[in-house]
C-alpha atoms as a PDB file:
ATOM      1  CA  MET A   1     107.862 106.845 122.651  1.00  0.00           C
ATOM      2  CA  ARG A   2     109.767 103.870 123.922  1.00  0.00           C
ATOM      3  CA  ASN A   3     108.647 100.672 125.603  1.00  0.00           C
ATOM      4  CA  SER A   4     108.966  96.959 124.975  1.00  0.00           C
ATOM      5  CA  LEU A   5     106.484  97.039 122.132  1.00  0.00           C
ATOM      6  CA  GLY A   6     108.249 100.052 120.710  1.00  0.00           C
ATOM      7  CA  ASN A   7     111.604  98.294 120.984  1.00  0.00           C
ATOM      8  CA  ARG A   8     110.270  95.345 118.987  1.00  0.00           C
ATOM      9  CA  LEU A   9     109.138  97.706 116.250  1.00  0.00           C
ATOM     10  CA  TYR A  10     112.230  99.902 116.296  1.00  0.00           C
ATOM     11  CA  THR A  11     115.047  97.360 116.576  1.00  0.00           C
ATOM     12  CA  HIS A  12     116.251  94.565 114.346  1.00  0.00           C
ATOM     13  CA  GLU A  13     115.800  91.726 116.833  1.00  0.00           C
ATOM     14  CA  PRO A  14     114.162  88.818 114.953  1.00  0.00           C
ATOM     15  CA  LEU A  15     111.180  87.046 116.383  1.00  0.00           C
ATOM     16  CA  ARG A  16     111.849  83.536 117.626  1.00  0.00           C
ATOM     17  CA  PRO A  17     109.290  80.774 118.185  1.00  0.00           C
ATOM     18  CA  THR A  18     108.211  80.750 121.822  1.00  0.00           C
ATOM     19  CA  ARG A  19     104.607  79.561 121.714  1.00  0.00           C
ATOM     20  CA  SER A  20     102.473  77.062 119.818  1.00  0.00           C
ATOM     21  CA  ALA A  21      99.091  77.710 118.208  1.00  0.00           C
ATOM     22  CA  SER A  22      97.794  75.090 115.815  1.00  0.00           C
ATOM     23  CA  ILE A  23      94.331  76.467 115.093  1.00  0.00           C
ATOM     24  CA  CYS A  24      93.527  78.887 112.274  1.00  0.00           C
ATOM     25  CA  CYS A  25      91.150  81.288 113.993  1.00  0.00           C
ATOM     26  CA  ALA A  26      92.963  84.427 115.146  1.00  0.00           C
ATOM     27  CA  ASP A  27      90.860  84.963 118.264  1.00  0.00           C
ATOM     28  CA  ARG A  28      91.235  81.332 119.305  1.00  0.00           C
ATOM     29  CA  ALA A  29      94.992  81.562 118.694  1.00  0.00           C
ATOM     30  CA  TRP A  30      95.243  84.375 121.229  1.00  0.00           C
ATOM     31  CA  GLN A  31      93.042  82.547 123.720  1.00  0.00           C
ATOM     32  CA  ASP A  32      95.220  79.443 123.403  1.00  0.00           C
ATOM     33  CA  GLY A  33      98.204  81.658 124.138  1.00  0.00           C
ATOM     34  CA  ARG A  34      96.685  82.557 127.492  1.00  0.00           C
ATOM     35  CA  ALA A  35      96.021  78.910 128.225  1.00  0.00           C
ATOM     36  CA  ARG A  36      99.615  78.014 127.426  1.00  0.00           C
ATOM     37  CA  GLN A  37     100.799  80.698 129.849  1.00  0.00           C
ATOM     38  CA  ARG A  38      98.824  79.013 132.630  1.00  0.00           C
ATOM     39  CA  ILE A  39     100.151  75.574 131.659  1.00  0.00           C
ATOM     40  CA  ARG A  40     103.723  76.805 131.861  1.00  0.00           C
ATOM     41  CA  ARG A  41     103.255  77.653 135.530  1.00  0.00           C
ATOM     42  CA  THR A  42     102.767  73.975 136.407  1.00  0.00           C
ATOM     43  CA  ILE A  43     104.900  72.088 133.849  1.00  0.00           C
ATOM     44  CA  PRO A  44     108.730  72.232 133.842  1.00  0.00           C
ATOM     45  CA  VAL A  45     109.897  74.926 131.436  1.00  0.00           C
ATOM     46  CA  ASN A  46     112.423  72.726 129.632  1.00  0.00           C
ATOM     47  CA  LEU A  47     109.804  70.057 128.945  1.00  0.00           C
ATOM     48  CA  VAL A  48     107.322  72.606 127.596  1.00  0.00           C
ATOM     49  CA  LYS A  49     109.993  74.209 125.412  1.00  0.00           C
ATOM     50  CA  LYS A  50     111.055  70.849 124.016  1.00  0.00           C
ATOM     51  CA  LEU A  51     107.500  69.762 123.218  1.00  0.00           C
ATOM     52  CA  LEU A  52     106.365  73.071 121.738  1.00  0.00           C
ATOM     53  CA  THR A  53     109.520  73.676 119.719  1.00  0.00           C
ATOM     54  CA  ARG A  54     109.265  70.270 118.054  1.00  0.00           C
ATOM     55  CA  ARG A  55     105.573  70.501 117.251  1.00  0.00           C
ATOM     56  CA  ASP A  56     105.035  74.192 116.501  1.00  0.00           C
ATOM     57  CA  PRO A  57     103.765  74.310 112.893  1.00  0.00           C
ATOM     58  CA  ARG A  58     104.494  78.027 112.673  1.00  0.00           C
ATOM     59  CA  THR A  59     108.256  77.794 113.039  1.00  0.00           C
ATOM     60  CA  GLN A  60     108.880  77.547 109.307  1.00  0.00           C
ATOM     61  CA  PHE A  61     106.992  80.815 108.733  1.00  0.00           C
ATOM     62  CA  ILE A  62     108.764  82.945 111.356  1.00  0.00           C
ATOM     63  CA  PRO A  63     111.659  84.031 109.052  1.00  0.00           C
ATOM     64  CA  LEU A  64     109.067  85.202 106.518  1.00  0.00           C
ATOM     65  CA  TYR A  65     107.252  87.168 109.229  1.00  0.00           C
ATOM     66  CA  ASN A  66     110.539  88.701 110.330  1.00  0.00           C
ATOM     67  CA  SER A  67     111.130  89.866 106.757  1.00  0.00           C
ATOM     68  CA  VAL A  68     107.732  91.608 106.857  1.00  0.00           C
ATOM     69  CA  VAL A  69     108.711  93.481 110.015  1.00  0.00           C
ATOM     70  CA  GLN A  70     112.136  94.328 108.597  1.00  0.00           C
ATOM     71  CA  THR A  71     110.577  95.710 105.416  1.00  0.00           C
ATOM     72  CA  ALA A  72     108.086  97.800 107.396  1.00  0.00           C
ATOM     73  CA  ARG A  73     110.881  99.198 109.593  1.00  0.00           C
ATOM     74  CA  GLN A  74     112.901 100.568 106.695  1.00  0.00           C
ATOM     75  CA  PRO A  75     113.692 104.225 107.556  1.00  0.00           C
ATOM     76  CA  TRP A  76     112.670 105.350 104.058  1.00  0.00           C
ATOM     77  CA  TRP A  77     108.964 104.992 104.825  1.00  0.00           C
ATOM     78  CA  TYR A  78     109.227 107.465 107.695  1.00  0.00           C
ATOM     79  CA  ALA A  79     112.050 109.829 106.770  1.00  0.00           C
ATOM     80  CA  GLU A  80     111.166 110.313 103.108  1.00  0.00           C
ATOM     81  CA  ALA A  81     107.578 109.185 102.564  1.00  0.00           C
ATOM     82  CA  GLY A  82     106.226 110.789 105.716  1.00  0.00           C
ATOM     83  CA  VAL A  83     104.649 107.778 107.415  1.00  0.00           C
ATOM     84  CA  PRO A  84     104.249 108.813 111.083  1.00  0.00           C
ATOM     85  CA  ASP A  85     107.357 107.719 112.970  1.00  0.00           C
ATOM     86  CA  THR A  86     105.350 106.686 116.016  1.00  0.00           C
ATOM     87  CA  LEU A  87     104.337 103.428 117.640  1.00  0.00           C
ATOM     88  CA  ASP A  88     100.999 103.561 115.841  1.00  0.00           C
ATOM     89  CA  GLY A  89     102.698 104.447 112.562  1.00  0.00           C
ATOM     90  CA  ARG A  90     105.055 101.501 112.830  1.00  0.00           C
ATOM     91  CA  PHE A  91     102.198  99.150 113.659  1.00  0.00           C
ATOM     92  CA  ASP A  92     100.202 100.460 110.685  1.00  0.00           C
ATOM     93  CA  MET A  93     103.186 100.005 108.378  1.00  0.00           C
ATOM     94  CA  ILE A  94     103.675  96.395 109.510  1.00  0.00           C
ATOM     95  CA  ALA A  95      99.957  95.782 108.988  1.00  0.00           C
ATOM     96  CA  ALA A  96     100.188  97.255 105.476  1.00  0.00           C
ATOM     97  CA  VAL A  97     103.144  95.115 104.414  1.00  0.00           C
ATOM     98  CA  LEU A  98     101.666  92.014 106.048  1.00  0.00           C
ATOM     99  CA  SER A  99      98.412  92.663 104.182  1.00  0.00           C
ATOM    100  CA  LEU A 100     100.222  92.672 100.836  1.00  0.00           C
ATOM    101  CA  LEU A 101     101.824  89.347 101.678  1.00  0.00           C
ATOM    102  CA  LEU A 102      98.521  87.812 102.778  1.00  0.00           C
ATOM    103  CA  ILE A 103      96.839  89.032  99.583  1.00  0.00           C
ATOM    104  CA  ARG A 104      99.635  87.402  97.600  1.00  0.00           C
ATOM    105  CA  LEU A 105      99.186  84.127  99.479  1.00  0.00           C
ATOM    106  CA  GLU A 106      95.437  84.165  98.900  1.00  0.00           C
ATOM    107  CA  ALA A 107      96.235  83.843  95.188  1.00  0.00           C
ATOM    108  CA  GLU A 108      97.746  80.423  95.934  1.00  0.00           C
ATOM    109  CA  GLY A 109      94.286  79.052  96.693  1.00  0.00           C
ATOM    110  CA  ASN A 110      94.157  76.133  99.125  1.00  0.00           C
ATOM    111  CA  PRO A 111      97.969  75.894  99.511  1.00  0.00           C
ATOM    112  CA  GLY A 112      97.939  79.481 100.777  1.00  0.00           C
ATOM    113  CA  LEU A 113      95.407  78.912 103.544  1.00  0.00           C
ATOM    114  CA  GLU A 114      97.850  77.557 106.124  1.00  0.00           C
ATOM    115  CA  PRO A 115     100.534  80.222 105.553  1.00  0.00           C
ATOM    116  CA  VAL A 116      97.897  82.977 105.886  1.00  0.00           C
ATOM    117  CA  ALA A 117      96.651  81.488 109.153  1.00  0.00           C
ATOM    118  CA  ARG A 118     100.127  80.871 110.589  1.00  0.00           C
ATOM    119  CA  LEU A 119     101.425  84.344 109.723  1.00  0.00           C
ATOM    120  CA  THR A 120      98.363  85.897 111.334  1.00  0.00           C
ATOM    121  CA  GLU A 121      98.900  83.799 114.452  1.00  0.00           C
ATOM    122  CA  ILE A 122     102.569  84.797 114.602  1.00  0.00           C
ATOM    123  CA  PHE A 123     101.651  88.464 114.296  1.00  0.00           C
ATOM    124  CA  ILE A 124      99.073  88.221 117.091  1.00  0.00           C
ATOM    125  CA  ASP A 125     101.415  86.209 119.307  1.00  0.00           C
ATOM    126  CA  ASP A 126     104.180  88.741 118.720  1.00  0.00           C
ATOM    127  CA  MET A 127     101.948  91.668 119.716  1.00  0.00           C
ATOM    128  CA  ASP A 128     100.565  89.716 122.687  1.00  0.00           C
ATOM    129  CA  GLY A 129     104.077  89.021 123.941  1.00  0.00           C
ATOM    130  CA  GLN A 130     105.153  92.637 123.603  1.00  0.00           C
ATOM    131  CA  LEU A 131     102.144  93.925 125.528  1.00  0.00           C
ATOM    132  CA  ARG A 132     102.784  91.446 128.338  1.00  0.00           C
ATOM    133  CA  GLN A 133     106.443  92.445 128.519  1.00  0.00           C
ATOM    134  CA  ILE A 134     105.459  95.981 129.462  1.00  0.00           C
ATOM    135  CA  GLY A 135     103.324  94.648 132.297  1.00  0.00           C
ATOM    136  CA  ILE A 136      99.851  94.946 130.799  1.00  0.00           C
ATOM    137  CA  GLY A 137      97.420  92.526 132.445  1.00  0.00           C
ATOM    138  CA  ASP A 138      95.213  89.900 130.845  1.00  0.00           C
ATOM    139  CA  VAL A 139      92.073  92.033 130.682  1.00  0.00           C
ATOM    140  CA  VAL A 140      93.753  94.990 128.983  1.00  0.00           C
ATOM    141  CA  VAL A 141      95.835  92.755 126.726  1.00  0.00           C
ATOM    142  CA  GLY A 142      92.633  91.058 125.605  1.00  0.00           C
ATOM    143  CA  LYS A 143      91.118  94.379 124.590  1.00  0.00           C
ATOM    144  CA  GLN A 144      94.274  95.534 122.836  1.00  0.00           C
ATOM    145  CA  ILE A 145      94.695  92.284 120.914  1.00  0.00           C
ATOM    146  CA  GLY A 146      91.044  92.394 119.935  1.00  0.00           C
ATOM    147  CA  ARG A 147      91.582  95.859 118.487  1.00  0.00           C
ATOM    148  CA  MET A 148      94.713  94.733 116.652  1.00  0.00           C
ATOM    149  CA  ILE A 149      92.918  91.748 115.118  1.00  0.00           C
ATOM    150  CA  SER A 150      90.134  94.041 113.968  1.00  0.00           C
ATOM    151  CA  ALA A 151      92.632  96.578 112.630  1.00  0.00           C
ATOM    152  CA  VAL A 152      94.569  94.031 110.597  1.00  0.00           C
ATOM    153  CA  GLY A 153      91.361  92.511 109.232  1.00  0.00           C
ATOM    154  CA  GLY A 154      90.090  95.931 108.233  1.00  0.00           C
ATOM    155  CA  ARG A 155      93.348  96.885 106.553  1.00  0.00           C
ATOM    156  CA  LEU A 156      93.537  93.590 104.695  1.00  0.00           C
ATOM    157  CA  THR A 157      90.054  94.189 103.284  1.00  0.00           C
ATOM    158  CA  ALA A 158      90.804  97.828 102.461  1.00  0.00           C
ATOM    159  CA  TYR A 159      94.056  97.075 100.633  1.00  0.00           C
ATOM    160  CA  ARG A 160      92.607  94.083  98.809  1.00  0.00           C
ATOM    161  CA  GLU A 161      89.741  96.210  97.488  1.00  0.00           C
ATOM    162  CA  ALA A 162      92.036  99.146  96.712  1.00  0.00           C
ATOM    163  CA  MET A 163      94.365  96.985  94.632  1.00  0.00           C
ATOM    164  CA  SER A 164      91.548  96.275  92.200  1.00  0.00           C
ATOM    165  CA  SER A 165      89.781  99.645  92.296  1.00  0.00           C
ATOM    166  CA  ASP A 166      90.061 102.644  89.990  1.00  0.00           C
ATOM    167  CA  GLU A 167      90.990 104.876  92.934  1.00  0.00           C
ATOM    168  CA  GLY A 168      94.145 102.919  93.654  1.00  0.00           C
ATOM    169  CA  LEU A 169      95.928 102.612  96.985  1.00  0.00           C
ATOM    170  CA  GLU A 170      96.235 106.249  97.983  1.00  0.00           C
ATOM    171  CA  PRO A 171      92.822 106.709  99.657  1.00  0.00           C
ATOM    172  CA  ALA A 172      93.254 103.482 101.636  1.00  0.00           C
ATOM    173  CA  LEU A 173      96.758 104.493 102.708  1.00  0.00           C
ATOM    174  CA  ILE A 174      95.572 107.924 103.830  1.00  0.00           C
ATOM    175  CA  ARG A 175      92.837 106.322 105.939  1.00  0.00           C
ATOM    176  CA  ASN A 176      95.076 103.696 107.507  1.00  0.00           C
ATOM    177  CA  LEU A 177      98.637 105.070 107.668  1.00  0.00           C
ATOM    178  CA  TRP A 178      97.684 108.655 108.410  1.00  0.00           C
ATOM    179  CA  ARG A 179      94.324 107.930 110.077  1.00  0.00           C
ATOM    180  CA  GLY A 180      92.630 110.216 107.553  1.00  0.00           C
ATOM    181  CA  GLU A 181      94.750 113.254 108.446  1.00  0.00           C
ATOM    182  CA  PRO A 182      97.964 113.359 106.408  1.00  0.00           C
ATOM    183  CA  GLY A 183     100.287 116.109 107.548  1.00  0.00           C
ATOM    184  CA  PRO A 184     102.462 118.325 105.369  1.00  0.00           C
ATOM    185  CA  ASP A 185     105.219 115.698 105.259  1.00  0.00           C
ATOM    186  CA  ALA A 186     102.917 112.896 104.134  1.00  0.00           C
ATOM    187  CA  LYS A 187     103.533 111.527 100.652  1.00  0.00           C
ATOM    188  CA  PRO A 188     100.784 108.960 100.056  1.00  0.00           C
ATOM    189  CA  ALA A 189     101.493 108.825  96.319  1.00  0.00           C
ATOM    190  CA  MET A 190     105.092 107.832  97.040  1.00  0.00           C
ATOM    191  CA  VAL A 191     104.012 105.155  99.510  1.00  0.00           C
ATOM    192  CA  ALA A 192     101.402 103.854  97.058  1.00  0.00           C
ATOM    193  CA  GLU A 193     104.035 103.553  94.329  1.00  0.00           C
ATOM    194  CA  ALA A 194     106.375 101.647  96.637  1.00  0.00           C
ATOM    195  CA  MET A 195     103.587  99.371  97.874  1.00  0.00           C
ATOM    196  CA  LEU A 196     102.489  98.565  94.323  1.00  0.00           C
ATOM    197  CA  ALA A 197     106.099  97.797  93.398  1.00  0.00           C
ATOM    198  CA  LEU A 198     106.322  95.437  96.378  1.00  0.00           C
ATOM    199  CA  ALA A 199     103.034  93.801  95.384  1.00  0.00           C
ATOM    200  CA  ALA A 200     104.384  93.288  91.864  1.00  0.00           C
ATOM    201  CA  ARG A 201     107.557  91.657  93.199  1.00  0.00           C
ATOM    202  CA  LEU A 202     105.469  89.419  95.427  1.00  0.00           C
ATOM    203  CA  ALA A 203     103.338  88.385  92.454  1.00  0.00           C
ATOM    204  CA  GLU A 204     106.463  87.477  90.501  1.00  0.00           C
ATOM    205  CA  THR A 205     107.902  85.368  93.328  1.00  0.00           C
ATOM    206  CA  ASP A 206     106.710  81.798  93.772  1.00  0.00           C
ATOM    207  CA  TRP A 207     105.644  80.567  97.186  1.00  0.00           C
ATOM    208  CA  PRO A 208     108.617  78.216  97.853  1.00  0.00           C
ATOM    209  CA  THR A 209     110.996  81.132  97.216  1.00  0.00           C
ATOM    210  CA  LEU A 210     109.009  83.458  99.471  1.00  0.00           C
ATOM    211  CA  ARG A 211     109.015  80.888 102.245  1.00  0.00           C
ATOM    212  CA  ALA A 212     112.740  80.265 101.930  1.00  0.00           C
ATOM    213  CA  GLN A 213     114.014  83.798 101.270  1.00  0.00           C
ATOM    214  CA  GLY A 214     111.413  86.182 102.672  1.00  0.00           C
ATOM    215  CA  LEU A 215     110.007  89.274 101.007  1.00  0.00           C
ATOM    216  CA  PRO A 216     111.749  90.212  97.753  1.00  0.00           C
ATOM    217  CA  THR A 217     113.739  93.430  97.791  1.00  0.00           C
ATOM    218  CA  ALA A 218     113.960  96.028  95.048  1.00  0.00           C
END
């Protein structure tokens, strides 16, 4: 299954800052993205790029977001642990890794609020851009982005609760990575072990290091 969104999930091309969104609400961030698209039709491109590049508060968080995507694209998840090697599977894996990072940042308290908001905005903007690249119109993009926002919010809640529950991560992973129907190649226990190891490394890494170096590797 190959299209522009698939290419973004399957290749190693890093995301670069192309839009600005300064508000914290995810839905409003997407709506502002549409407004900026209309503005660009009437204002010289170079001027818009100069203004937005200088003032975009998300720029400093884009390398960290790229490290989330890179971690979620590691072939091991799919070839050995049995995560579905599909567009949906790749999206779900990015959402899972992003959720662990957001949970880690929540532990920072107030200093973590902006990074959580900016990373969410970057994720939504990334998905919005990929959908538009394959020619999907505003109405359909709106529905798709709405579903993605809901999906990420649901996964964040599920993984947060699972991390502190007696059941552990496996049931949440089965529901979200395998959509409740793990096939014969699925190894949820292996994925849970790897996710918990990543969560432990995140907990041991201070925020300035995370921001500067990205997700810690094993």
